[in-house]
Amino acid sequence: MRWPLPADTTSSCAPANYPAGTPGRGSGLFYARNGARILVANIMGRVFMHPELDDPFKSAESILDACPLKEQADAIIFDFHAEATSEKQCFGHFVDGRASFVVGTHTHVPTADHQILNGGTAYMSDAGMCGDYDSSLGMDKEEPLNRFISKMPKGRFEAASGPATICGVGVEISDTTGLAEKIEPLRIGPRLAEAIPSFWR
């Protein structure tokens, strides 16, 4: 069954491989400002996380079957939310040539492996978090540090409130093929070395 058009612009994304009945949709088709149809999908990895979830690779296959690149979608973006870099990389290779971009999330640290895979899919293991990097994964560092040292909680985790750094990634996608032509990291803020995609300037 093919993805229904016109595009749905109201549903929120949740991992596509969550159990049936979980609120939210695993993917949605949205219109970009230029009218392009963009399929955005979220899938959660299982390694070191939730092994009881449905197979993320089969979930991706179902999404791609329902909404193929350059047939029902002009671009396809996967957010692969996972702990293990190996699982993220294998997922990128699995959809290579059938998706425009795979970006890993969850580990909060921007990786330096942004690349275009052999089949034309842009890939980055983790885009990094947006927040205060003088922290522990965005939390005020005192309580996490205390728990590592003493193994005893003294209080609740609180969000770090220092100056924020924005981390992400820029990708240029071909109007003709729906595959990636360029990928570069984005980092703006006081803690990390600045990086702005050259094709955005």
Foldseek 3Di string as FASTA:
>chain_A
DADDDDWDDPFAADACQADPPPGTHQWTWDQDPVRFTEIEGEHEDPVVHPVPTDDRLVSVVVVCVRAWDPPNGVAYEYEYEYDDLVVQVVSCVSCQLGHAEYAYDDPQDFDDPFDQDPNQHTYGNHQHDKADPCDDSQWNNPQVVCCVVPVDGPDDTHGDDDKIKDTGKDWDADSVRNGTDDIDIAIDTDPDDGDDPPVVD
